[in-house]
Amino acid sequence: MKKVLTVVLSLIIGIGTFYLSINTTRSEEPNMYYQVYLDEELIGTIKNKDSLEKYIDSESEYYKKKYDVKKVYVPQGLEIKAVTTYNDKIKTEKEIYEILKKKRPFTIDGYQITIKKEDNKDNKKVYVLSEKVFRESLENVAKIFVGEDDYQKYKTNTQTEIKETGYTVDSISMEENMTIKKTKIPVEETIYTSVPVLTKMLLFGTTDEQKTYVVKEGDTISKVAFNNEISVLEFLISNPTFTNEKNLLFPGQEVVIGITNPQIKIKEVKHEVKDLVSAYKTEYQYDSNMYVGEEKVIQEGVEGLERINQDVTIVNGEITYVDPKSKEVIKPTTNKIVVKGDKKVSTVGNLKDWGWPTDSGWMISSEFAYRTNPITGGRELHDGIDIAGTGYGSNIYAANNGVVVTASYHYINGNYVIINHNNGYYTYYGHMSKILTKVGATVAKGQVIGLVGTTGYATGPHVHFSLTSGGPLHGGGTLLNPWTIYR
């Protein structure tokens, strides 16, 4: 009998415990609560949605002070859904806050700017608290590349009209497509609140400190730039107290060596009218009564003057296209006439008499210097000078007597010719629209060997002119600055 009573008592206690358990997890009436989801994963149920948001805001004083904002919001991907349930298992705001803090950063009001690249790869996202900071930074970058004086005159429509010579800025624009939208920014993102800091990032691609250099005796801006593998423009951007490359340096002076990596492209189109000295050419006459190597000048050359009218496209301070509009002769040239012995063309170039490889009206669109390649975007030593402005299809001339050793095509160099001058030097002529010579041909100084073009990697019509000694370009020759044979 006792055994039966014990079993009955155990059943009664078990049923009571089960009933009590039901009462602690379920209400007799349903309640309106809120389920909190992060990326569709349920992380808990709370009584009040507003209370959670207020708690998150009250616990975020650090970020309010850091970014000078009045409110901090829930993380991205958070969703709070109202639910009617009998379940009384809820979490406090503090418990939910601690879970969220470990999983995802909270957010603040701001703007996301997306800078879209041409290939839509590596699109850059920039976060700011106000549109004003971003727009002022863009304006700063434009002023740096265009020049503050030119920029202000263009914006205020106060440019001086061209009377005879001079230039006007026809347009200033950004080539990238950019979108800006108001958004909630995660507090752990890089958020720009300072115009100078954002300007630096847009110019250099980073806000890190750039390396420095201590000026030595005999240093010039161009020499310091070249020896540190940056362009003169990059030197001037990194050291804004200098206005041009002719400014003087002094020993012990510390300068910044900054390698630019612009995140945007500032495109400027200038209309220029300028007077350029046109060099005279040297004509050779041959006298069979004179020995080979003998020569005499029977007429001295006189330089002329030409008025050049052209449009120049400049992207981030680098000339990318020169469009010649017209050319007016103000003063004609008088060619120099030299009589030489024998009519045979020598295969040896005269070391003291080098000819210019293009027609008059030229301008240098890119010097022999370190730069960011306008086509590939990579850093490089530009191994020659780019001569533009004479127009597509204009003549390219041999700079001296010699023998053509290469007349070929390369996907980067386009149509190109290399001449061995048999005096230790080789010259190179690239991006031709047409080659007008062949390998093995003996050419005279001033002889047409091709036409200006845009073949290969070229932003506009020009000839890439390089000089080497001891061998051809990319064939064992020592690279030289082409200006050394003219100065």
Protein backbone atom coordinates (compact mmCIF):
# COMPACT_ATOMS: atom_id res chain seq x y z
CA MET A 1 0.00 0.00 0.00
CA LYS A 2 2.83 2.39 0.85
CA LYS A 3 4.44 1.65 -2.51
CA VAL A 4 1.21 2.60 -4.34
CA LEU A 5 0.90 5.86 -2.37
CA THR A 6 4.51 6.74 -3.19
CA VAL A 7 3.90 6.29 -6.94
CA VAL A 8 0.69 8.38 -6.85
CA LEU A 9 2.44 11.13 -4.90
CA SER A 10 5.30 11.20 -7.42
CA LEU A 11 2.83 11.57 -10.31
CA ILE A 12 1.06 14.45 -8.56
CA ILE A 13 4.39 16.26 -7.93
CA GLY A 14 5.47 15.70 -11.58
CA ILE A 15 2.21 17.07 -12.99
CA GLY A 16 2.46 20.11 -10.70
CA THR A 17 6.03 20.80 -11.77
CA PHE A 18 5.05 20.57 -15.46
CA TYR A 19 2.13 22.95 -14.90
CA LEU A 20 4.36 25.46 -13.10
CA SER A 21 6.90 25.21 -15.94
CA ILE A 22 4.21 26.11 -18.50
CA ASN A 23 3.14 29.08 -16.43
CA THR A 24 6.72 30.51 -16.30
CA THR A 25 7.28 30.44 -20.11
CA ARG A 26 3.86 31.36 -21.43
CA SER A 27 1.30 34.03 -20.56
CA GLU A 28 -2.40 33.46 -20.37
CA GLU A 29 -2.83 36.44 -22.75
CA PRO A 30 -0.61 37.21 -25.82
CA ASN A 31 1.83 40.16 -25.60
CA MET A 32 3.02 42.64 -28.23
CA TYR A 33 6.84 42.42 -28.29
CA TYR A 34 9.61 43.10 -30.83
CA GLN A 35 11.96 40.57 -32.35
CA VAL A 36 15.44 41.85 -33.25
CA TYR A 37 17.10 40.41 -36.36
CA LEU A 38 20.63 40.99 -37.67
CA ASP A 39 20.99 39.90 -41.30
CA GLU A 40 17.75 37.90 -40.83
CA GLU A 41 19.19 36.04 -37.81
CA LEU A 42 17.05 36.35 -34.66
CA ILE A 43 19.18 37.58 -31.78
CA GLY A 44 16.45 38.23 -29.21
CA THR A 45 13.07 39.65 -28.28
CA ILE A 46 12.55 42.98 -26.50
CA LYS A 47 9.61 44.83 -24.99
CA ASN A 48 10.13 48.20 -26.62
CA LYS A 49 11.77 49.20 -29.92
CA ASP A 50 12.33 52.84 -28.97
CA SER A 51 13.99 51.84 -25.71
CA LEU A 52 16.63 49.81 -27.57
CA GLU A 53 17.40 52.67 -29.95
CA LYS A 54 17.64 55.14 -27.06
CA TYR A 55 19.90 52.78 -25.10
CA ILE A 56 22.28 52.39 -28.06
CA ASP A 57 22.36 56.17 -28.47
CA SER A 58 22.99 56.75 -24.74
CA GLU A 59 25.89 54.27 -24.66
CA SER A 60 27.68 55.86 -27.66
CA GLU A 61 29.06 59.10 -26.22
CA TYR A 62 32.55 58.25 -27.52
CA TYR A 63 31.41 58.33 -31.15
CA LYS A 64 29.28 61.43 -30.59
CA LYS A 65 32.34 63.32 -29.39
CA LYS A 66 34.66 61.81 -32.01
CA TYR A 67 32.47 62.82 -34.96
CA ASP A 68 30.62 65.73 -33.29
CA VAL A 69 27.20 64.22 -33.95
CA LYS A 70 24.04 64.27 -31.86
CA LYS A 71 22.81 60.73 -32.43
CA VAL A 72 24.14 57.19 -32.97
CA TYR A 73 21.91 54.60 -34.65
CA VAL A 74 21.50 50.83 -34.85
CA PRO A 75 23.90 48.80 -37.08
CA GLN A 76 23.33 48.21 -40.77
CA GLY A 77 21.39 45.00 -41.44
CA LEU A 78 19.35 45.34 -38.23
CA GLU A 79 15.60 44.81 -38.46
CA ILE A 80 13.08 45.06 -35.61
CA LYS A 81 9.73 43.36 -36.21
CA ALA A 82 6.60 43.62 -34.07
CA VAL A 83 5.29 40.23 -32.97
CA THR A 84 2.30 38.98 -30.94
CA THR A 85 3.38 36.05 -28.76
CA TYR A 86 2.60 34.10 -25.60
CA ASN A 87 6.31 33.63 -25.00
CA ASP A 88 7.60 35.80 -22.14
CA LYS A 89 11.31 35.09 -22.73
CA ILE A 90 12.68 38.56 -23.48
CA LYS A 91 16.09 40.23 -23.31
CA THR A 92 16.97 43.59 -21.85
CA GLU A 93 18.20 46.48 -24.01
CA LYS A 94 21.63 46.07 -22.46
CA GLU A 95 21.79 42.36 -23.42
CA ILE A 96 20.86 43.14 -27.04
CA TYR A 97 23.34 46.07 -27.07
CA GLU A 98 26.21 43.83 -25.94
CA ILE A 99 25.40 41.24 -28.63
CA LEU A 100 25.24 43.90 -31.37
CA LYS A 101 28.45 45.57 -30.23
CA LYS A 102 30.37 42.34 -30.85
CA LYS A 103 28.76 41.59 -34.19
CA ARG A 104 28.40 44.87 -36.07
CA PRO A 105 29.40 48.57 -35.64
CA PHE A 106 26.72 51.14 -34.92
CA THR A 107 26.00 53.92 -37.43
CA ILE A 108 25.75 57.70 -37.76
CA ASP A 109 24.16 60.00 -40.35
CA GLY A 110 26.38 60.95 -43.29
CA TYR A 111 27.03 60.64 -47.00
CA GLN A 112 28.55 57.92 -49.15
CA ILE A 113 30.34 59.07 -52.29
CA THR A 114 31.09 56.35 -54.83
CA ILE A 115 33.81 57.18 -57.35
CA LYS A 116 33.24 54.88 -60.32
CA LYS A 117 36.28 53.84 -62.33
CA GLU A 118 36.19 53.35 -66.09
CA ASP A 119 36.14 49.53 -65.84
CA ASN A 120 33.79 49.58 -62.83
CA LYS A 121 36.46 47.71 -60.89
CA ASP A 122 37.87 48.92 -57.60
CA ASN A 123 35.18 51.60 -57.28
CA LYS A 124 36.14 53.76 -54.31
CA LYS A 125 33.74 54.65 -51.51
CA VAL A 126 34.35 57.80 -49.50
CA TYR A 127 32.39 58.68 -46.37
CA VAL A 128 31.79 62.22 -45.12
CA LEU A 129 29.46 63.77 -42.56
CA SER A 130 28.57 66.69 -44.82
CA GLU A 131 28.44 67.28 -48.56
CA LYS A 132 30.26 70.57 -47.99
CA VAL A 133 33.47 68.82 -46.87
CA PHE A 134 33.52 66.70 -50.03
CA ARG A 135 32.70 69.52 -52.43
CA GLU A 136 35.34 71.84 -50.90
CA SER A 137 37.92 69.03 -51.16
CA LEU A 138 37.06 68.50 -54.83
CA GLU A 139 37.47 72.21 -55.41
CA ASN A 140 40.87 72.14 -53.69
CA VAL A 141 42.07 69.34 -55.98
CA ALA A 142 40.86 71.26 -59.03
CA LYS A 143 42.69 74.40 -57.84
CA ILE A 144 45.91 72.44 -57.39
CA PHE A 145 45.87 70.94 -60.90
CA VAL A 146 44.44 73.96 -62.73
CA GLY A 147 46.09 76.69 -60.65
CA GLU A 148 44.14 78.75 -58.13
CA ASP A 149 44.27 81.97 -60.16
CA ASP A 150 43.05 80.31 -63.38
CA TYR A 151 40.40 78.38 -61.45
CA GLN A 152 38.97 81.49 -59.77
CA LYS A 153 38.90 83.48 -63.02
CA TYR A 154 37.14 80.58 -64.77
CA LYS A 155 34.56 80.18 -61.98
CA THR A 156 33.86 83.92 -61.77
CA ASN A 157 33.92 84.41 -65.56
CA THR A 158 36.62 87.09 -65.28
CA GLN A 159 39.19 85.71 -67.73
CA THR A 160 40.99 88.23 -69.94
CA GLU A 161 40.05 88.00 -73.59
CA ILE A 162 42.91 86.98 -75.90
CA LYS A 163 44.03 90.01 -77.91
CA GLU A 164 47.10 88.68 -79.69
CA THR A 165 48.60 85.95 -77.55
CA GLY A 166 47.56 84.28 -74.30
CA TYR A 167 45.17 81.58 -73.18
CA THR A 168 41.74 81.04 -71.73
CA VAL A 169 40.35 78.05 -69.84
CA ASP A 170 37.41 76.76 -71.86
CA SER A 171 36.27 74.06 -69.44
CA ILE A 172 37.06 72.32 -66.15
CA SER A 173 35.39 69.00 -65.42
CA MET A 174 35.77 65.68 -63.65
CA GLU A 175 36.05 62.61 -65.85
CA GLU A 176 34.86 60.05 -63.30
CA ASN A 177 31.19 59.41 -62.71
CA MET A 178 30.38 60.00 -59.05
CA THR A 179 27.27 59.32 -57.05
CA ILE A 180 26.47 60.75 -53.64
CA LYS A 181 23.75 59.56 -51.31
CA LYS A 182 22.68 60.12 -47.73
CA THR A 183 23.20 56.99 -45.67
CA LYS A 184 23.93 55.53 -42.25
CA ILE A 185 27.71 55.14 -41.96
CA PRO A 186 29.25 52.42 -39.74
CA VAL A 187 31.31 54.21 -37.08
CA GLU A 188 34.34 51.99 -37.78
CA GLU A 189 34.64 53.21 -41.40
CA THR A 190 37.12 55.95 -42.31
CA ILE A 191 34.95 59.06 -42.13
CA TYR A 192 36.40 62.33 -43.37
CA THR A 193 35.47 65.43 -41.38
CA SER A 194 38.37 67.68 -42.42
CA VAL A 195 38.76 69.31 -45.85
CA PRO A 196 42.62 69.26 -45.80
CA VAL A 197 42.72 65.57 -44.84
CA LEU A 198 40.21 64.55 -47.53
CA THR A 199 42.05 66.72 -50.09
CA LYS A 200 45.27 64.86 -49.27
CA MET A 201 43.56 61.48 -49.72
CA LEU A 202 42.07 62.51 -53.08
CA LEU A 203 45.53 63.64 -54.27
CA PHE A 204 47.76 60.88 -52.89
CA GLY A 205 45.32 57.99 -52.36
CA THR A 206 46.36 57.90 -48.69
CA THR A 207 46.60 60.15 -45.65
CA ASP A 208 49.89 58.60 -44.55
CA GLU A 209 52.91 60.86 -44.18
CA GLN A 210 55.05 61.09 -47.33
CA LYS A 211 58.82 60.62 -47.20
CA THR A 212 61.10 63.64 -46.99
CA TYR A 213 64.45 64.67 -48.47
CA VAL A 214 67.14 67.02 -47.14
CA VAL A 215 68.41 69.37 -49.84
CA LYS A 216 72.13 69.16 -50.72
CA GLU A 217 74.50 71.67 -52.26
CA GLY A 218 73.78 72.13 -55.97
CA ASP A 219 70.25 70.67 -55.81
CA THR A 220 67.48 72.14 -57.93
CA ILE A 221 63.80 71.29 -57.86
CA SER A 222 64.01 69.40 -61.16
CA LYS A 223 67.12 67.52 -60.00
CA VAL A 224 65.58 66.56 -56.64
CA ALA A 225 62.38 65.42 -58.37
CA PHE A 226 64.19 63.29 -60.95
CA ASN A 227 66.60 61.70 -58.44
CA ASN A 228 63.66 60.76 -56.21
CA GLU A 229 61.60 59.38 -59.12
CA ILE A 230 58.80 61.93 -59.04
CA SER A 231 57.77 64.60 -61.54
CA VAL A 232 58.29 68.33 -61.02
CA LEU A 233 54.51 68.71 -60.78
CA GLU A 234 54.40 66.15 -57.95
CA PHE A 235 57.19 68.04 -56.17
CA LEU A 236 55.24 71.31 -56.41
CA ILE A 237 52.02 69.63 -55.23
CA SER A 238 53.82 68.11 -52.24
CA ASN A 239 55.53 71.42 -51.41
CA PRO A 240 52.94 74.17 -52.05
CA THR A 241 55.27 76.93 -50.82
CA PHE A 242 57.15 76.59 -54.13
CA THR A 243 55.42 78.19 -57.13
CA ASN A 244 57.54 76.82 -60.01
CA GLU A 245 60.59 74.68 -60.72
CA LYS A 246 62.88 77.74 -60.92
CA ASN A 247 62.42 78.50 -57.21
CA LEU A 248 65.69 78.18 -55.30
CA LEU A 249 66.52 75.52 -52.72
CA PHE A 250 69.08 75.84 -49.94
CA PRO A 251 71.23 73.11 -48.32
CA GLY A 252 69.64 71.56 -45.25
CA GLN A 253 66.13 72.43 -46.36
CA GLU A 254 63.66 69.55 -45.89
CA VAL A 255 61.21 68.92 -48.70
CA VAL A 256 58.41 66.37 -49.14
CA ILE A 257 58.73 63.65 -51.78
CA GLY A 258 55.10 62.79 -52.51
CA ILE A 259 54.00 60.30 -55.14
CA THR A 260 50.53 61.33 -56.28
CA ASN A 261 47.78 58.81 -56.88
CA PRO A 262 44.77 60.98 -57.73
CA GLN A 263 41.43 59.35 -56.97
CA ILE A 264 39.65 61.65 -59.42
CA LYS A 265 40.56 63.12 -62.82
CA ILE A 266 40.39 66.88 -63.21
CA LYS A 267 40.12 67.63 -66.94
CA GLU A 268 41.00 71.11 -68.18
CA VAL A 269 40.71 72.34 -71.77
CA LYS A 270 42.71 75.45 -72.64
CA HIS A 271 42.61 77.55 -75.79
CA GLU A 272 46.11 78.94 -76.45
CA VAL A 273 47.49 81.49 -78.86
CA LYS A 274 51.26 81.85 -78.61
CA ASP A 275 54.22 82.96 -80.65
CA LEU A 276 56.88 80.32 -81.11
CA VAL A 277 60.33 80.68 -82.58
CA SER A 278 60.61 78.40 -85.61
CA ALA A 279 64.08 77.04 -86.07
CA TYR A 280 65.67 77.31 -89.46
CA LYS A 281 66.74 74.21 -91.33
CA THR A 282 70.16 73.56 -92.73
CA GLU A 283 70.34 72.85 -96.43
CA TYR A 284 73.34 71.01 -97.79
CA GLN A 285 74.79 71.50 -101.23
CA TYR A 286 77.51 69.26 -102.57
CA ASP A 287 80.57 70.24 -104.52
CA SER A 288 82.56 67.47 -106.19
CA ASN A 289 85.57 69.76 -106.18
CA MET A 290 85.60 69.71 -102.34
CA TYR A 291 87.00 66.77 -100.38
CA VAL A 292 84.68 64.63 -98.23
CA GLY A 293 84.51 66.21 -94.78
CA GLU A 294 85.14 69.73 -96.04
CA GLU A 295 82.30 72.20 -95.76
CA LYS A 296 81.60 75.94 -95.86
CA VAL A 297 78.62 78.09 -94.95
CA ILE A 298 77.40 80.25 -97.82
CA GLN A 299 74.25 81.52 -96.06
CA GLU A 300 73.61 81.88 -92.35
CA GLY A 301 70.28 80.73 -91.01
CA VAL A 302 67.77 83.08 -89.43
CA GLU A 303 65.05 81.93 -87.02
CA GLY A 304 61.44 82.75 -87.83
CA LEU A 305 58.38 83.39 -85.71
CA GLU A 306 54.99 81.67 -85.93
CA ARG A 307 51.70 82.32 -84.16
CA ILE A 308 50.19 79.02 -83.04
CA ASN A 309 46.49 78.62 -82.27
CA GLN A 310 45.61 75.36 -80.48
CA ASP A 311 43.40 73.60 -77.94
CA VAL A 312 45.21 71.72 -75.19
CA THR A 313 43.58 69.03 -73.03
CA ILE A 314 45.19 68.56 -69.61
CA VAL A 315 44.23 65.82 -67.15
CA ASN A 316 45.59 66.11 -63.60
CA GLY A 317 48.28 68.49 -64.77
CA GLU A 318 49.49 66.28 -67.65
CA ILE A 319 48.93 67.21 -71.30
CA THR A 320 46.96 64.40 -72.95
CA TYR A 321 45.90 65.96 -76.27
CA VAL A 322 47.00 68.89 -78.43
CA ASP A 323 44.63 69.92 -81.21
CA PRO A 324 46.28 72.41 -83.61
CA LYS A 325 43.78 74.94 -85.01
CA SER A 326 45.89 77.27 -87.13
CA LYS A 327 49.45 78.49 -87.72
CA GLU A 328 50.39 81.95 -88.98
CA VAL A 329 53.88 82.88 -90.13
CA ILE A 330 54.80 86.23 -88.59
CA LYS A 331 58.44 86.14 -89.65
CA PRO A 332 59.69 83.51 -92.13
CA THR A 333 62.82 81.48 -91.48
CA THR A 334 65.91 81.74 -93.62
CA ASN A 335 67.57 78.39 -94.04
CA LYS A 336 71.24 77.95 -93.46
CA ILE A 337 73.08 76.76 -96.55
CA VAL A 338 76.19 74.63 -96.18
CA VAL A 339 78.30 73.38 -99.06
CA LYS A 340 79.90 69.99 -98.39
CA GLY A 341 82.39 68.04 -100.36
CA ASP A 342 81.01 65.11 -102.40
CA LYS A 343 77.32 64.33 -102.86
CA LYS A 344 77.40 60.97 -101.10
CA VAL A 345 75.38 60.80 -97.87
CA SER A 346 77.53 59.75 -94.96
CA THR A 347 76.22 57.06 -92.65
CA VAL A 348 77.90 58.82 -89.73
CA GLY A 349 75.95 61.55 -87.95
CA ASN A 350 77.63 64.84 -87.11
CA LEU A 351 77.90 65.05 -83.31
CA LYS A 352 77.69 68.85 -83.41
CA ASP A 353 74.79 69.17 -85.81
CA TRP A 354 71.49 67.53 -84.79
CA GLY A 355 68.20 68.31 -86.49
CA TRP A 356 64.78 68.60 -84.84
CA PRO A 357 62.53 65.59 -85.65
CA THR A 358 59.26 67.47 -86.38
CA ASP A 359 57.82 70.47 -88.17
CA SER A 360 57.63 73.84 -86.44
CA GLY A 361 54.81 74.72 -84.05
CA TRP A 362 55.66 71.87 -81.71
CA MET A 363 55.32 71.67 -77.94
CA ILE A 364 56.57 69.12 -75.42
CA SER A 365 53.58 67.29 -73.94
CA SER A 366 55.66 65.04 -71.69
CA GLU A 367 59.28 65.45 -70.62
CA PHE A 368 62.03 62.90 -69.95
CA ALA A 369 60.98 62.43 -66.30
CA TYR A 370 59.28 60.13 -63.80
CA ARG A 371 55.50 60.23 -64.06
CA THR A 372 52.25 58.31 -63.73
CA ASN A 373 51.51 56.81 -67.16
CA PRO A 374 48.27 58.44 -68.45
CA ILE A 375 47.27 55.18 -70.17
CA THR A 376 48.22 52.44 -67.68
CA GLY A 377 48.22 54.47 -64.46
CA GLY A 378 51.57 52.90 -63.46
CA ARG A 379 54.66 54.73 -62.22
CA GLU A 380 57.53 54.87 -64.70
CA LEU A 381 60.45 56.81 -66.08
CA HIS A 382 59.19 58.34 -69.33
CA ASP A 383 62.17 57.35 -71.50
CA GLY A 384 61.99 60.18 -74.02
CA ILE A 385 60.22 63.40 -74.86
CA ASP A 386 56.75 63.54 -76.43
CA ILE A 387 56.61 66.17 -79.19
CA ALA A 388 53.04 67.24 -80.01
CA GLY A 389 51.28 70.12 -81.71
CA THR A 390 52.36 69.65 -85.34
CA GLY A 391 49.21 67.72 -86.20
CA TYR A 392 48.27 64.21 -87.24
CA GLY A 393 50.09 63.11 -90.42
CA SER A 394 52.78 65.82 -90.23
CA ASN A 395 56.38 64.87 -91.07
CA ILE A 396 58.89 63.15 -88.80
CA TYR A 397 62.54 63.74 -89.72
CA ALA A 398 65.78 61.85 -89.05
CA ALA A 399 67.67 63.83 -86.42
CA ASN A 400 71.01 63.03 -88.09
CA ASN A 401 72.67 60.87 -90.74
CA GLY A 402 72.62 57.16 -90.04
CA VAL A 403 71.32 53.72 -90.89
CA VAL A 404 67.81 52.45 -90.05
CA VAL A 405 68.16 49.39 -87.82
CA THR A 406 64.48 48.95 -86.88
CA ALA A 407 61.23 49.86 -88.63
CA SER A 408 58.47 47.91 -86.92
CA TYR A 409 55.28 47.88 -84.82
CA HIS A 410 54.75 47.26 -81.10
CA TYR A 411 51.40 47.34 -79.30
CA ILE A 412 52.70 49.96 -76.85
CA ASN A 413 55.07 51.93 -79.10
CA GLY A 414 52.95 51.69 -82.25
CA ASN A 415 54.83 52.15 -85.54
CA TYR A 416 58.41 53.08 -84.69
CA VAL A 417 61.84 53.57 -86.25
CA ILE A 418 65.32 53.32 -84.71
CA ILE A 419 68.36 54.89 -86.41
CA ASN A 420 72.00 54.03 -85.67
CA HIS A 421 73.98 57.21 -86.30
CA ASN A 422 77.30 55.33 -86.17
CA ASN A 423 78.73 57.95 -83.83
CA GLY A 424 77.80 56.18 -80.61
CA TYR A 425 74.17 57.38 -80.58
CA TYR A 426 70.83 55.86 -81.55
CA THR A 427 67.55 57.76 -81.92
CA TYR A 428 64.03 56.36 -81.59
CA TYR A 429 60.77 57.70 -83.10
CA GLY A 430 57.46 56.20 -81.89
CA HIS A 431 53.64 56.27 -82.47
CA MET A 432 53.96 56.97 -86.23
CA SER A 433 50.82 56.86 -88.32
CA LYS A 434 52.99 55.64 -91.19
CA ILE A 435 56.61 54.48 -91.61
CA LEU A 436 58.33 55.91 -94.69
CA THR A 437 61.67 54.11 -94.52
CA LYS A 438 62.96 50.56 -94.12
CA VAL A 439 65.62 48.58 -92.29
CA GLY A 440 69.06 48.99 -93.83
CA ALA A 441 68.29 52.34 -95.47
CA THR A 442 70.86 55.12 -95.17
CA VAL A 443 69.10 58.34 -94.16
CA ALA A 444 70.28 61.92 -94.08
CA LYS A 445 69.60 64.47 -91.38
CA GLY A 446 66.22 66.07 -92.12
CA GLN A 447 65.00 63.21 -94.32
CA VAL A 448 61.34 62.26 -93.79
CA ILE A 449 61.17 58.81 -92.18
CA GLY A 450 57.51 58.73 -91.09
CA LEU A 451 54.36 60.64 -90.19
CA VAL A 452 53.03 61.74 -86.77
CA GLY A 453 50.26 59.49 -85.46
CA THR A 454 48.59 57.87 -82.46
CA THR A 455 49.46 54.18 -82.90
CA GLY A 456 50.17 52.17 -79.76
CA TYR A 457 49.51 53.74 -76.35
CA ALA A 458 48.93 57.41 -77.17
CA THR A 459 46.39 59.96 -75.94
CA GLY A 460 46.85 62.20 -78.99
CA PRO A 461 49.02 62.76 -82.09
CA HIS A 462 52.71 63.07 -81.17
CA VAL A 463 56.12 61.51 -81.73
CA HIS A 464 57.92 59.83 -78.85
CA PHE A 465 61.60 60.74 -79.33
CA SER A 466 64.28 58.87 -77.36
CA LEU A 467 68.08 58.95 -77.32
CA THR A 468 70.48 56.16 -76.31
CA SER A 469 74.19 55.50 -76.51
CA GLY A 470 76.01 52.22 -77.14
CA GLY A 471 72.92 50.46 -78.44
CA PRO A 472 69.23 50.94 -79.36
CA LEU A 473 66.36 51.60 -76.94
CA HIS A 474 65.30 48.35 -75.21
CA GLY A 475 68.29 46.69 -76.89
CA GLY A 476 71.18 47.30 -74.52
CA GLY A 477 71.56 51.04 -75.05
CA THR A 478 72.15 53.51 -72.23
CA LEU A 479 69.17 55.85 -71.89
CA LEU A 480 69.94 59.58 -72.23
CA ASN A 481 67.88 62.74 -71.96
CA PRO A 482 67.21 63.79 -75.61
CA TRP A 483 67.78 67.44 -74.71
CA THR A 484 71.51 66.71 -74.22
CA ILE A 485 72.14 66.81 -78.00
CA TYR A 486 70.37 70.13 -78.42
CA ARG A 487 71.57 72.15 -75.44
